[in-house]
Amino acid sequence: MTWFVYTLIVVLVITSVLLTLLILLHRGKGGGLSSMFGGGVSSSLAGSSVAEKNLDRYTVLVGIVWFACIVGLGLWLRIAGNGG
């Protein structure tokens, strides 16, 4: 059973890094902290709406996997804490 926990921890670390990178790749929608620190400058790297939609999809998918790992580890800790 410990291999399952170690696998969840490794997947959690990988998805945490990926989620951070994917969120940083998003373009600012205007206003807020992103435009205050120079994020309002338009870049040609994320100009396509198809690329933005795919980036949104990947971000949501990695977020769901990250959330599932958190829930899985929480359930495992609850079961392990009860001696089962």
Protein backbone atom coordinates (compact mmCIF):
# COMPACT_ATOMS: atom_id res chain seq x y z
CA MET A 1 0.00 0.00 0.00
CA THR A 2 2.93 2.35 0.51
CA TRP A 3 3.75 2.34 -3.21
CA PHE A 4 0.32 3.91 -3.79
CA VAL A 5 1.08 6.73 -1.37
CA TYR A 6 4.50 7.37 -2.87
CA THR A 7 2.97 7.41 -6.34
CA LEU A 8 0.37 9.95 -5.20
CA ILE A 9 3.07 12.13 -3.67
CA VAL A 10 5.18 12.06 -6.85
CA VAL A 11 2.14 12.85 -9.02
CA LEU A 12 1.19 15.64 -6.60
CA VAL A 13 4.63 17.26 -6.86
CA ILE A 14 4.68 16.98 -10.66
CA THR A 15 1.16 18.37 -11.04
CA SER A 16 1.93 21.19 -8.60
CA VAL A 17 4.87 22.33 -10.72
CA LEU A 18 2.90 21.90 -13.96
CA LEU A 19 -0.08 23.79 -12.57
CA THR A 20 2.14 26.66 -11.51
CA LEU A 21 3.75 26.85 -14.94
CA LEU A 22 0.43 26.59 -16.78
CA ILE A 23 -1.13 29.34 -14.68
CA LEU A 24 1.87 31.59 -15.30
CA LEU A 25 1.50 31.01 -19.07
CA HIS A 26 -1.99 32.50 -19.08
CA ARG A 27 -2.36 35.98 -20.41
CA GLY A 28 -3.69 38.65 -18.09
CA LYS A 29 -7.26 39.78 -18.70
CA GLY A 30 -6.47 43.37 -17.76
CA GLY A 31 -6.48 45.07 -14.41
CA GLY A 32 -5.22 43.56 -11.22
CA LEU A 33 -1.65 42.69 -10.34
CA SER A 34 -0.70 41.34 -13.77
CA SER A 35 -1.12 44.69 -15.49
CA MET A 36 0.41 46.56 -12.56
CA PHE A 37 3.73 44.72 -12.97
CA GLY A 38 3.87 44.85 -16.76
CA GLY A 39 1.61 41.93 -17.60
CA GLY A 40 -0.67 44.18 -19.62
CA VAL A 41 1.84 44.33 -22.47
CA SER A 42 0.58 42.20 -25.33
CA SER A 43 2.83 39.39 -26.43
CA SER A 44 2.84 37.49 -29.69
CA LEU A 45 3.48 34.16 -27.98
CA ALA A 46 -0.13 33.53 -26.98
CA GLY A 47 -1.91 35.28 -29.82
CA SER A 48 -4.10 32.43 -31.04
CA SER A 49 -7.45 31.79 -29.46
CA VAL A 50 -7.06 28.05 -30.16
CA ALA A 51 -3.82 28.02 -28.18
CA GLU A 52 -5.53 29.84 -25.30
CA LYS A 53 -8.41 27.35 -25.27
CA ASN A 54 -5.98 24.43 -25.27
CA LEU A 55 -4.03 26.07 -22.45
CA ASP A 56 -7.28 26.42 -20.50
CA ARG A 57 -8.10 22.75 -21.08
CA TYR A 58 -4.66 21.59 -19.98
CA THR A 59 -4.82 23.78 -16.90
CA VAL A 60 -8.22 22.38 -15.90
CA LEU A 61 -7.07 18.80 -16.54
CA VAL A 62 -3.91 19.19 -14.44
CA GLY A 63 -5.99 20.92 -11.75
CA ILE A 64 -8.40 17.98 -11.60
CA VAL A 65 -5.52 15.49 -11.30
CA TRP A 66 -3.94 17.68 -8.59
CA PHE A 67 -7.23 17.82 -6.67
CA ALA A 68 -7.69 14.04 -6.98
CA CYS A 69 -4.22 13.51 -5.50
CA ILE A 70 -5.03 15.81 -2.58
CA VAL A 71 -8.29 13.95 -1.90
CA GLY A 72 -6.56 10.56 -2.24
CA LEU A 73 -3.84 11.50 0.22
CA GLY A 74 -6.41 12.91 2.63
CA LEU A 75 -8.43 9.68 2.52
CA TRP A 76 -5.31 7.62 2.99
CA LEU A 77 -4.27 9.67 6.02
CA ARG A 78 -7.74 9.28 7.49
CA ILE A 79 -7.69 5.51 7.01
CA ALA A 80 -4.09 5.19 8.27
CA GLY A 81 -4.94 7.32 11.31
CA ASN A 82 -7.71 4.94 12.33
CA GLY A 83 -5.37 1.96 12.35
CA GLY A 84 -6.89 0.43 9.23
